[in-house]
């Protein structure tokens, strides 16, 4: 397993629609392993393939937060939402591609998703709470959408400027 570098906004790859995965092969399994390792290392609860520069419809998540609980890693390939609740939930979201920035985003409180698993089989599950928020956030990444796209233009612009500054600082540090 390799920990991959995470792209930081603004990066044009984070705004592109990802391609579906045709078959679950060794490359996709390696990508999933690397993404899980990268997510846990960050640390985060979700990570989408475009965040590591791979333009495929794959994301990973593990929303288990309790210290003594066993991890529950999930790999979702070609995920799609098949149902959303009318009830809404507002959650303070963050993103590994937008480090240290958080904002409240309102989304459906529950979603049902269908996806292809690493076993090559179709799976369907209903998510609520943080799992529902995370699944929707990561699916947005596969469609070229970031959580800041739900914010007003001023707040979005402010966060984007902070990320541009962070990228400049990191580039300077890397050269030193």
N, C-alpha and C. Protein backbone atom coordinates (compact mmCIF):
# COMPACT_ATOMS: atom_id res chain seq x y z
N UNK A 1 0.83 -1.19 0.00
CA UNK A 1 0.00 0.00 0.00
C UNK A 1 0.88 1.25 0.00
N UNK A 2 0.46 2.20 -0.79
CA UNK A 2 1.19 3.45 -0.93
C UNK A 2 0.29 4.60 -0.49
N UNK A 3 0.85 5.47 0.31
CA UNK A 3 0.11 6.69 0.66
C UNK A 3 0.36 7.67 -0.48
N UNK A 4 -0.73 8.08 -1.12
CA UNK A 4 -0.63 8.95 -2.29
C UNK A 4 -0.81 10.42 -1.89
N UNK A 5 -0.18 11.32 -2.65
CA UNK A 5 -0.40 12.74 -2.36
C UNK A 5 -1.85 13.13 -2.69
N UNK A 6 -2.41 13.99 -1.84
CA UNK A 6 -3.79 14.45 -2.02
C UNK A 6 -3.76 15.81 -2.71
N UNK A 7 -4.52 15.94 -3.80
CA UNK A 7 -4.59 17.21 -4.52
C UNK A 7 -5.27 18.26 -3.64
N UNK A 8 -4.78 19.48 -3.73
CA UNK A 8 -5.35 20.59 -2.98
C UNK A 8 -6.08 21.52 -3.95
N UNK A 9 -7.27 21.94 -3.57
CA UNK A 9 -8.07 22.91 -4.33
C UNK A 9 -7.31 24.24 -4.35
N UNK A 10 -7.30 25.02 -5.41
CA UNK A 10 -7.91 24.70 -6.71
C UNK A 10 -6.97 23.86 -7.58
N UNK A 11 -7.52 22.80 -8.11
CA UNK A 11 -6.82 21.94 -9.06
C UNK A 11 -7.88 21.53 -10.08
N UNK A 12 -7.63 21.72 -11.37
CA UNK A 12 -8.67 21.45 -12.38
C UNK A 12 -9.22 20.02 -12.33
N UNK A 13 -8.40 19.05 -11.88
CA UNK A 13 -8.86 17.66 -11.82
C UNK A 13 -9.99 17.49 -10.81
N UNK A 14 -10.03 18.34 -9.79
CA UNK A 14 -11.09 18.23 -8.77
C UNK A 14 -12.44 18.71 -9.29
N UNK A 15 -12.46 19.34 -10.47
CA UNK A 15 -13.71 19.87 -11.02
C UNK A 15 -14.19 19.08 -12.24
N UNK A 16 -13.58 17.92 -12.48
CA UNK A 16 -13.93 17.11 -13.66
C UNK A 16 -14.82 15.92 -13.29
N UNK A 17 -15.67 15.55 -14.23
CA UNK A 17 -16.50 14.35 -14.10
C UNK A 17 -15.61 13.13 -14.29
N UNK A 18 -15.73 12.16 -13.40
CA UNK A 18 -14.90 10.96 -13.45
C UNK A 18 -15.52 9.88 -14.34
N UNK A 19 -14.64 9.05 -14.90
CA UNK A 19 -15.05 7.96 -15.78
C UNK A 19 -15.48 6.74 -14.98
N UNK A 20 -16.52 6.02 -15.43
CA UNK A 20 -16.89 4.78 -14.75
C UNK A 20 -15.78 3.72 -14.86
N UNK A 21 -15.77 2.82 -13.91
CA UNK A 21 -14.83 1.70 -13.91
C UNK A 21 -15.48 0.56 -14.68
N UNK A 22 -14.79 0.03 -15.69
CA UNK A 22 -15.36 -1.04 -16.52
C UNK A 22 -15.28 -2.39 -15.81
N UNK A 23 -14.12 -2.70 -15.22
CA UNK A 23 -13.96 -3.98 -14.53
C UNK A 23 -13.12 -3.79 -13.27
N UNK A 24 -13.44 -4.60 -12.28
CA UNK A 24 -12.67 -4.59 -11.04
C UNK A 24 -11.46 -5.49 -11.27
N UNK A 25 -10.30 -4.85 -11.44
CA UNK A 25 -9.08 -5.60 -11.70
C UNK A 25 -8.02 -5.27 -10.65
N UNK A 26 -6.81 -5.76 -10.85
CA UNK A 26 -5.72 -5.55 -9.89
C UNK A 26 -5.42 -4.06 -9.70
N UNK A 27 -5.51 -3.27 -10.78
CA UNK A 27 -5.25 -1.83 -10.66
C UNK A 27 -6.27 -1.14 -9.77
N UNK A 28 -7.53 -1.52 -9.91
CA UNK A 28 -8.59 -0.92 -9.08
C UNK A 28 -8.42 -1.37 -7.63
N UNK A 29 -8.07 -2.62 -7.42
CA UNK A 29 -7.85 -3.11 -6.04
C UNK A 29 -6.67 -2.37 -5.39
N UNK A 30 -5.61 -2.16 -6.16
CA UNK A 30 -4.44 -1.43 -5.65
C UNK A 30 -4.83 0.02 -5.34
N UNK A 31 -5.59 0.63 -6.24
CA UNK A 31 -6.07 2.00 -6.02
C UNK A 31 -6.87 2.07 -4.72
N UNK A 32 -7.79 1.12 -4.51
CA UNK A 32 -8.62 1.10 -3.31
C UNK A 32 -7.76 0.96 -2.05
N UNK A 33 -6.79 0.05 -2.08
CA UNK A 33 -5.88 -0.13 -0.94
C UNK A 33 -5.12 1.16 -0.65
N UNK A 34 -4.58 1.78 -1.70
CA UNK A 34 -3.82 3.02 -1.54
C UNK A 34 -4.71 4.14 -1.00
N UNK A 35 -5.94 4.20 -1.52
CA UNK A 35 -6.86 5.26 -1.07
C UNK A 35 -7.22 5.09 0.40
N UNK A 36 -7.47 3.85 0.82
CA UNK A 36 -7.77 3.61 2.24
C UNK A 36 -6.57 3.99 3.12
N UNK A 37 -5.37 3.59 2.71
CA UNK A 37 -4.17 3.93 3.47
C UNK A 37 -3.99 5.45 3.53
N UNK A 38 -4.22 6.12 2.42
CA UNK A 38 -4.09 7.58 2.35
C UNK A 38 -5.12 8.26 3.24
N UNK A 39 -6.37 7.77 3.18
CA UNK A 39 -7.46 8.34 3.99
C UNK A 39 -7.16 8.19 5.48
N UNK A 40 -6.77 6.99 5.91
CA UNK A 40 -6.48 6.76 7.33
C UNK A 40 -5.28 7.59 7.79
N UNK A 41 -4.29 7.74 6.91
CA UNK A 41 -3.09 8.49 7.25
C UNK A 41 -3.38 9.98 7.41
N UNK A 42 -4.34 10.50 6.65
CA UNK A 42 -4.57 11.95 6.56
C UNK A 42 -4.83 12.67 7.90
N UNK A 43 -5.66 12.29 8.81
CA UNK A 43 -6.72 11.28 8.74
C UNK A 43 -8.03 11.91 8.25
N UNK A 44 -8.85 11.06 7.61
CA UNK A 44 -10.16 11.50 7.15
C UNK A 44 -11.13 10.35 7.23
N UNK A 45 -12.40 10.63 6.89
CA UNK A 45 -13.43 9.59 6.90
C UNK A 45 -13.84 9.18 5.48
N UNK A 46 -13.36 9.92 4.47
CA UNK A 46 -13.68 9.60 3.10
C UNK A 46 -12.62 10.14 2.16
N UNK A 47 -12.49 9.51 1.00
CA UNK A 47 -11.55 9.97 -0.01
C UNK A 47 -12.03 9.46 -1.37
N UNK A 48 -12.05 10.37 -2.34
CA UNK A 48 -12.48 10.01 -3.70
C UNK A 48 -11.26 9.95 -4.62
N UNK A 49 -11.33 9.09 -5.62
CA UNK A 49 -10.20 8.87 -6.54
C UNK A 49 -9.65 10.17 -7.15
N UNK A 50 -10.50 11.13 -7.56
CA UNK A 50 -9.92 12.34 -8.15
C UNK A 50 -9.04 13.13 -7.16
N UNK A 51 -9.24 12.92 -5.87
CA UNK A 51 -8.43 13.62 -4.88
C UNK A 51 -6.98 13.13 -4.88
N UNK A 52 -6.76 11.93 -5.44
CA UNK A 52 -5.39 11.43 -5.60
C UNK A 52 -5.01 11.41 -7.08
N UNK A 53 -5.72 12.19 -7.88
CA UNK A 53 -5.39 12.37 -9.29
C UNK A 53 -5.83 11.26 -10.22
N UNK A 54 -6.72 10.38 -9.76
CA UNK A 54 -7.22 9.29 -10.61
C UNK A 54 -8.67 9.60 -10.97
N UNK A 55 -8.92 9.78 -12.25
CA UNK A 55 -10.24 10.25 -12.69
C UNK A 55 -11.20 9.08 -12.95
N UNK A 56 -11.41 8.28 -11.93
CA UNK A 56 -12.30 7.12 -12.00
C UNK A 56 -13.36 7.24 -10.91
N UNK A 57 -14.51 6.57 -11.12
CA UNK A 57 -15.64 6.67 -10.19
C UNK A 57 -15.46 5.67 -9.04
N UNK A 58 -14.56 6.02 -8.11
CA UNK A 58 -14.27 5.19 -6.94
C UNK A 58 -14.12 6.10 -5.74
N UNK A 59 -14.74 5.71 -4.62
CA UNK A 59 -14.41 6.38 -3.37
C UNK A 59 -14.38 5.38 -2.24
N UNK A 60 -13.68 5.77 -1.17
CA UNK A 60 -13.59 4.95 0.03
C UNK A 60 -14.11 5.77 1.20
N UNK A 61 -14.62 5.07 2.21
CA UNK A 61 -15.04 5.77 3.42
C UNK A 61 -15.04 4.82 4.60
N UNK A 62 -14.89 5.42 5.77
CA UNK A 62 -14.99 4.71 7.04
C UNK A 62 -15.35 5.76 8.08
N UNK A 63 -16.60 5.79 8.47
CA UNK A 63 -17.10 6.82 9.37
C UNK A 63 -17.17 6.36 10.83
N UNK A 64 -16.50 5.27 11.16
CA UNK A 64 -16.45 4.81 12.55
C UNK A 64 -15.55 5.78 13.31
N UNK A 65 -16.12 6.44 14.33
CA UNK A 65 -15.35 7.44 15.07
C UNK A 65 -14.98 6.97 16.49
N UNK A 66 -15.70 5.97 17.01
CA UNK A 66 -15.46 5.51 18.38
C UNK A 66 -14.06 4.91 18.47
N UNK A 67 -13.33 5.27 19.52
CA UNK A 67 -11.94 4.85 19.68
C UNK A 67 -11.75 3.32 19.70
N UNK A 68 -12.63 2.61 20.41
CA UNK A 68 -12.45 1.17 20.57
C UNK A 68 -13.16 0.34 19.49
N UNK A 69 -13.89 1.00 18.61
CA UNK A 69 -14.64 0.28 17.59
C UNK A 69 -13.70 -0.17 16.46
N UNK A 70 -14.03 -1.30 15.86
CA UNK A 70 -13.25 -1.80 14.73
C UNK A 70 -13.50 -0.92 13.51
N UNK A 71 -12.50 -0.70 12.69
CA UNK A 71 -12.71 0.07 11.47
C UNK A 71 -13.72 -0.64 10.56
N UNK A 72 -14.41 0.14 9.74
CA UNK A 72 -15.39 -0.42 8.80
C UNK A 72 -15.15 0.17 7.41
N UNK A 73 -13.98 -0.13 6.81
CA UNK A 73 -13.66 0.46 5.51
C UNK A 73 -14.61 -0.02 4.42
N UNK A 74 -15.02 0.92 3.57
CA UNK A 74 -15.88 0.61 2.43
C UNK A 74 -15.23 1.14 1.17
N UNK A 75 -15.35 0.38 0.09
CA UNK A 75 -14.89 0.80 -1.23
C UNK A 75 -16.11 0.78 -2.14
N UNK A 76 -16.45 1.92 -2.72
CA UNK A 76 -17.62 2.03 -3.59
C UNK A 76 -17.16 2.39 -5.00
N UNK A 77 -17.48 1.52 -5.95
CA UNK A 77 -17.09 1.69 -7.34
C UNK A 77 -18.36 1.99 -8.15
N UNK A 78 -18.29 3.00 -9.00
CA UNK A 78 -19.45 3.43 -9.80
C UNK A 78 -20.69 3.64 -8.92
N UNK A 79 -20.56 4.36 -7.80
CA UNK A 79 -21.71 4.51 -6.90
C UNK A 79 -22.79 5.42 -7.49
N UNK A 80 -24.02 5.12 -7.11
CA UNK A 80 -25.14 5.98 -7.50
C UNK A 80 -26.15 6.01 -6.38
N UNK A 81 -26.80 7.15 -6.22
CA UNK A 81 -27.85 7.29 -5.22
C UNK A 81 -29.15 6.80 -5.85
N UNK A 82 -29.84 5.88 -5.15
CA UNK A 82 -31.10 5.35 -5.67
C UNK A 82 -32.30 5.93 -4.91
N UNK A 83 -32.04 6.60 -3.77
CA UNK A 83 -33.13 7.19 -2.99
C UNK A 83 -32.53 8.19 -2.00
N UNK A 84 -33.26 9.27 -1.77
CA UNK A 84 -32.87 10.23 -0.73
C UNK A 84 -34.09 10.54 0.12
N UNK A 85 -33.84 10.77 1.40
CA UNK A 85 -34.93 11.12 2.31
C UNK A 85 -35.34 12.57 2.09
N UNK A 86 -36.57 12.88 2.46
CA UNK A 86 -37.01 14.27 2.43
C UNK A 86 -36.42 15.04 3.60
N UNK A 87 -36.16 14.32 4.71
CA UNK A 87 -35.54 14.96 5.87
C UNK A 87 -34.13 15.39 5.51
N UNK A 88 -33.75 16.56 6.03
CA UNK A 88 -32.43 17.10 5.76
C UNK A 88 -31.59 17.09 7.03
N UNK A 89 -30.29 17.13 6.84
CA UNK A 89 -29.34 17.17 7.95
C UNK A 89 -28.26 18.18 7.59
N UNK A 90 -27.90 19.03 8.55
CA UNK A 90 -26.82 19.98 8.33
C UNK A 90 -25.62 19.52 9.13
N UNK A 91 -24.48 19.41 8.45
CA UNK A 91 -23.28 18.89 9.08
C UNK A 91 -22.12 19.81 8.72
N UNK A 92 -21.22 20.02 9.67
CA UNK A 92 -20.03 20.81 9.37
C UNK A 92 -19.05 19.92 8.62
N UNK A 93 -18.91 20.20 7.33
CA UNK A 93 -18.07 19.37 6.48
C UNK A 93 -16.69 19.97 6.31
N UNK A 94 -15.74 19.08 6.09
CA UNK A 94 -14.39 19.46 5.74
C UNK A 94 -13.99 18.56 4.57
N UNK A 95 -12.77 18.74 4.08
CA UNK A 95 -12.33 17.97 2.92
C UNK A 95 -10.82 17.89 2.94
N UNK A 96 -10.29 16.71 2.65
CA UNK A 96 -8.84 16.53 2.63
C UNK A 96 -8.18 17.35 1.53
N UNK A 97 -8.95 17.75 0.51
CA UNK A 97 -8.43 18.61 -0.56
C UNK A 97 -8.58 20.09 -0.23
N UNK A 98 -9.23 20.37 0.90
CA UNK A 98 -9.40 21.76 1.36
C UNK A 98 -9.07 21.76 2.85
N UNK A 99 -7.79 21.51 3.20
CA UNK A 99 -7.43 21.30 4.60
C UNK A 99 -7.75 22.47 5.52
N UNK A 100 -8.20 22.11 6.74
CA UNK A 100 -8.43 23.07 7.82
C UNK A 100 -9.55 24.06 7.56
N UNK A 101 -10.40 23.79 6.56
CA UNK A 101 -11.54 24.66 6.27
C UNK A 101 -12.81 23.84 6.45
N UNK A 102 -13.76 24.43 7.15
CA UNK A 102 -15.01 23.72 7.45
C UNK A 102 -16.19 24.66 7.22
N UNK A 103 -17.31 24.09 6.83
CA UNK A 103 -18.53 24.89 6.66
C UNK A 103 -19.73 23.96 6.75
N UNK A 104 -20.84 24.53 7.19
CA UNK A 104 -22.07 23.75 7.30
C UNK A 104 -22.69 23.57 5.92
N UNK A 105 -23.03 22.32 5.63
CA UNK A 105 -23.67 21.96 4.36
C UNK A 105 -24.92 21.14 4.70
N UNK A 106 -26.03 21.47 4.05
CA UNK A 106 -27.28 20.75 4.27
C UNK A 106 -27.50 19.77 3.11
N UNK A 107 -27.75 18.53 3.48
CA UNK A 107 -27.98 17.46 2.50
C UNK A 107 -29.10 16.56 3.02
N UNK A 108 -29.61 15.65 2.18
CA UNK A 108 -30.58 14.67 2.68
C UNK A 108 -30.00 13.90 3.87
N UNK A 109 -30.82 13.67 4.88
CA UNK A 109 -30.37 12.99 6.10
C UNK A 109 -30.06 11.52 5.86
N UNK A 110 -30.76 10.90 4.90
CA UNK A 110 -30.53 9.49 4.58
C UNK A 110 -30.47 9.32 3.07
N UNK A 111 -29.63 8.39 2.64
CA UNK A 111 -29.55 8.05 1.22
C UNK A 111 -29.40 6.55 1.07
N UNK A 112 -29.91 6.04 -0.02
CA UNK A 112 -29.65 4.65 -0.39
C UNK A 112 -28.73 4.71 -1.60
N UNK A 113 -27.68 3.91 -1.57
CA UNK A 113 -26.71 3.88 -2.66
C UNK A 113 -26.56 2.48 -3.20
N UNK A 114 -26.27 2.42 -4.49
CA UNK A 114 -25.94 1.15 -5.14
C UNK A 114 -24.55 1.33 -5.74
N UNK A 115 -23.71 0.31 -5.61
CA UNK A 115 -22.35 0.39 -6.14
C UNK A 115 -21.81 -1.01 -6.42
N UNK A 116 -20.73 -1.01 -7.17
CA UNK A 116 -20.00 -2.22 -7.46
C UNK A 116 -18.93 -2.38 -6.39
N UNK A 117 -18.82 -3.56 -5.81
CA UNK A 117 -17.82 -3.82 -4.78
C UNK A 117 -16.55 -4.39 -5.37
N UNK A 118 -15.51 -4.48 -4.56
CA UNK A 118 -14.25 -5.11 -5.00
C UNK A 118 -14.46 -6.57 -5.36
N UNK A 119 -15.57 -7.16 -4.86
CA UNK A 119 -15.90 -8.55 -5.18
C UNK A 119 -16.56 -8.70 -6.54
N UNK A 120 -16.74 -7.57 -7.25
CA UNK A 120 -17.37 -7.60 -8.57
C UNK A 120 -18.88 -7.69 -8.53
N UNK A 121 -19.47 -7.67 -7.33
CA UNK A 121 -20.92 -7.77 -7.16
C UNK A 121 -21.53 -6.39 -6.90
N UNK A 122 -22.83 -6.26 -7.25
CA UNK A 122 -23.55 -5.02 -6.93
C UNK A 122 -23.97 -5.08 -5.46
N UNK A 123 -23.87 -3.94 -4.80
CA UNK A 123 -24.28 -3.82 -3.40
C UNK A 123 -25.23 -2.63 -3.29
N UNK A 124 -26.10 -2.69 -2.30
CA UNK A 124 -26.99 -1.55 -2.03
C UNK A 124 -27.14 -1.44 -0.53
N UNK A 125 -27.06 -0.22 -0.03
CA UNK A 125 -27.18 0.01 1.40
C UNK A 125 -27.75 1.39 1.65
N UNK A 126 -28.44 1.51 2.76
CA UNK A 126 -28.98 2.80 3.17
C UNK A 126 -28.07 3.37 4.25
N UNK A 127 -27.72 4.65 4.10
CA UNK A 127 -26.84 5.32 5.05
C UNK A 127 -27.58 6.46 5.73
N UNK A 128 -27.21 6.70 7.00
CA UNK A 128 -27.73 7.88 7.69
C UNK A 128 -26.60 8.52 8.48
N UNK A 129 -26.88 9.64 9.12
CA UNK A 129 -25.88 10.33 9.93
C UNK A 129 -24.65 10.70 9.13
N UNK A 130 -23.49 10.57 9.77
CA UNK A 130 -22.23 10.93 9.12
C UNK A 130 -21.99 10.08 7.87
N UNK A 131 -22.41 8.81 7.90
CA UNK A 131 -22.24 7.94 6.72
C UNK A 131 -22.96 8.52 5.51
N UNK A 132 -24.17 9.02 5.69
CA UNK A 132 -24.94 9.60 4.58
C UNK A 132 -24.27 10.87 4.06
N UNK A 133 -23.83 11.71 5.00
CA UNK A 133 -23.15 12.95 4.61
C UNK A 133 -21.88 12.63 3.83
N UNK A 134 -21.08 11.71 4.35
CA UNK A 134 -19.82 11.34 3.72
C UNK A 134 -20.05 10.74 2.33
N UNK A 135 -21.01 9.83 2.21
CA UNK A 135 -21.28 9.19 0.92
C UNK A 135 -21.66 10.24 -0.13
N UNK A 136 -22.49 11.22 0.25
CA UNK A 136 -22.91 12.26 -0.69
C UNK A 136 -21.73 13.18 -1.03
N UNK A 137 -20.92 13.52 -0.03
CA UNK A 137 -19.75 14.38 -0.23
C UNK A 137 -18.78 13.72 -1.22
N UNK A 138 -18.51 12.43 -1.02
CA UNK A 138 -17.56 11.72 -1.89
C UNK A 138 -18.13 11.53 -3.29
N UNK A 139 -19.43 11.24 -3.39
CA UNK A 139 -20.06 11.12 -4.71
C UNK A 139 -19.96 12.45 -5.47
N UNK A 140 -20.14 13.56 -4.75
CA UNK A 140 -19.97 14.88 -5.38
C UNK A 140 -18.59 14.99 -6.04
N UNK A 141 -17.54 14.51 -5.34
CA UNK A 141 -16.18 14.57 -5.91
C UNK A 141 -16.13 13.88 -7.27
N UNK A 142 -16.83 12.77 -7.41
CA UNK A 142 -16.80 12.02 -8.67
C UNK A 142 -17.50 12.78 -9.79
N UNK A 143 -18.32 13.77 -9.39
CA UNK A 143 -19.04 14.59 -10.36
C UNK A 143 -18.42 15.99 -10.48
N UNK A 144 -17.22 16.16 -9.93
CA UNK A 144 -16.52 17.44 -10.06
C UNK A 144 -17.06 18.53 -9.16
N UNK A 145 -17.69 18.15 -8.06
CA UNK A 145 -18.27 19.13 -7.15
C UNK A 145 -17.60 19.04 -5.78
N UNK A 146 -17.33 20.21 -5.18
CA UNK A 146 -16.71 20.27 -3.86
C UNK A 146 -17.73 20.82 -2.86
N UNK A 147 -17.50 20.56 -1.57
CA UNK A 147 -18.46 21.03 -0.57
C UNK A 147 -18.56 22.55 -0.57
N UNK A 148 -17.49 23.25 -0.96
CA UNK A 148 -17.55 24.71 -0.98
C UNK A 148 -18.47 25.23 -2.09
N UNK A 149 -18.82 24.37 -3.05
CA UNK A 149 -19.75 24.77 -4.10
C UNK A 149 -21.16 24.98 -3.54
N UNK A 150 -21.43 24.50 -2.32
CA UNK A 150 -22.72 24.71 -1.67
C UNK A 150 -22.75 26.04 -0.91
N UNK A 151 -21.61 26.70 -0.81
CA UNK A 151 -21.52 27.93 -0.03
C UNK A 151 -21.78 29.15 -0.91
N UNK A 152 -21.96 30.28 -0.27
CA UNK A 152 -22.12 31.54 -1.01
C UNK A 152 -20.81 31.91 -1.70
N UNK A 153 -20.88 32.77 -2.73
CA UNK A 153 -19.68 33.10 -3.50
C UNK A 153 -18.56 33.74 -2.67
N UNK A 154 -18.90 34.58 -1.70
CA UNK A 154 -17.87 35.24 -0.90
C UNK A 154 -17.09 34.24 -0.05
N UNK A 155 -17.82 33.36 0.64
CA UNK A 155 -17.17 32.35 1.51
C UNK A 155 -16.34 31.39 0.65
N UNK A 156 -16.89 31.00 -0.49
CA UNK A 156 -16.18 30.08 -1.40
C UNK A 156 -14.88 30.74 -1.89
N UNK A 157 -14.96 32.00 -2.26
CA UNK A 157 -13.79 32.74 -2.77
C UNK A 157 -12.73 32.90 -1.67
N UNK A 158 -13.18 33.15 -0.44
CA UNK A 158 -12.26 33.31 0.68
C UNK A 158 -11.49 32.00 0.92
N UNK A 159 -12.20 30.89 0.92
CA UNK A 159 -11.57 29.59 1.13
C UNK A 159 -10.61 29.27 -0.02
N UNK A 160 -11.02 29.57 -1.25
CA UNK A 160 -10.16 29.32 -2.42
C UNK A 160 -8.87 30.11 -2.30
N UNK A 161 -8.96 31.38 -1.88
CA UNK A 161 -7.74 32.19 -1.72
C UNK A 161 -6.83 31.60 -0.65
N UNK A 162 -7.40 31.10 0.44
CA UNK A 162 -6.60 30.47 1.49
C UNK A 162 -5.87 29.24 0.94
N UNK A 163 -6.56 28.47 0.10
CA UNK A 163 -5.95 27.27 -0.47
C UNK A 163 -4.84 27.63 -1.46
N UNK A 164 -5.04 28.70 -2.25
CA UNK A 164 -3.99 29.15 -3.17
C UNK A 164 -2.75 29.55 -2.38
N UNK A 165 -2.95 30.24 -1.26
CA UNK A 165 -1.83 30.66 -0.40
C UNK A 165 -1.13 29.43 0.18
N UNK A 166 -1.91 28.45 0.66
CA UNK A 166 -1.35 27.22 1.21
C UNK A 166 -0.50 26.50 0.16
N UNK A 167 -0.99 26.42 -1.08
CA UNK A 167 -0.24 25.75 -2.15
C UNK A 167 1.07 26.49 -2.44
N UNK A 168 1.04 27.82 -2.43
CA UNK A 168 2.27 28.60 -2.64
C UNK A 168 3.28 28.32 -1.52
N UNK A 169 2.78 28.31 -0.27
CA UNK A 169 3.66 28.05 0.88
C UNK A 169 4.26 26.66 0.79
N UNK A 170 3.46 25.67 0.43
CA UNK A 170 3.97 24.30 0.32
C UNK A 170 5.00 24.18 -0.80
N UNK A 171 4.77 24.89 -1.90
CA UNK A 171 5.71 24.87 -3.02
C UNK A 171 7.05 25.49 -2.60
N UNK A 172 6.98 26.58 -1.84
CA UNK A 172 8.21 27.24 -1.36
C UNK A 172 8.96 26.30 -0.42
N UNK A 173 8.24 25.65 0.49
CA UNK A 173 8.85 24.74 1.46
C UNK A 173 9.51 23.56 0.73
N UNK A 174 8.84 23.06 -0.31
CA UNK A 174 9.38 21.92 -1.06
C UNK A 174 10.69 22.30 -1.78
N UNK A 175 10.80 23.55 -2.19
CA UNK A 175 12.00 24.01 -2.89
C UNK A 175 13.16 24.25 -1.92
N UNK A 176 12.83 24.57 -0.68
CA UNK A 176 13.88 24.92 0.30
C UNK A 176 14.71 23.73 0.73
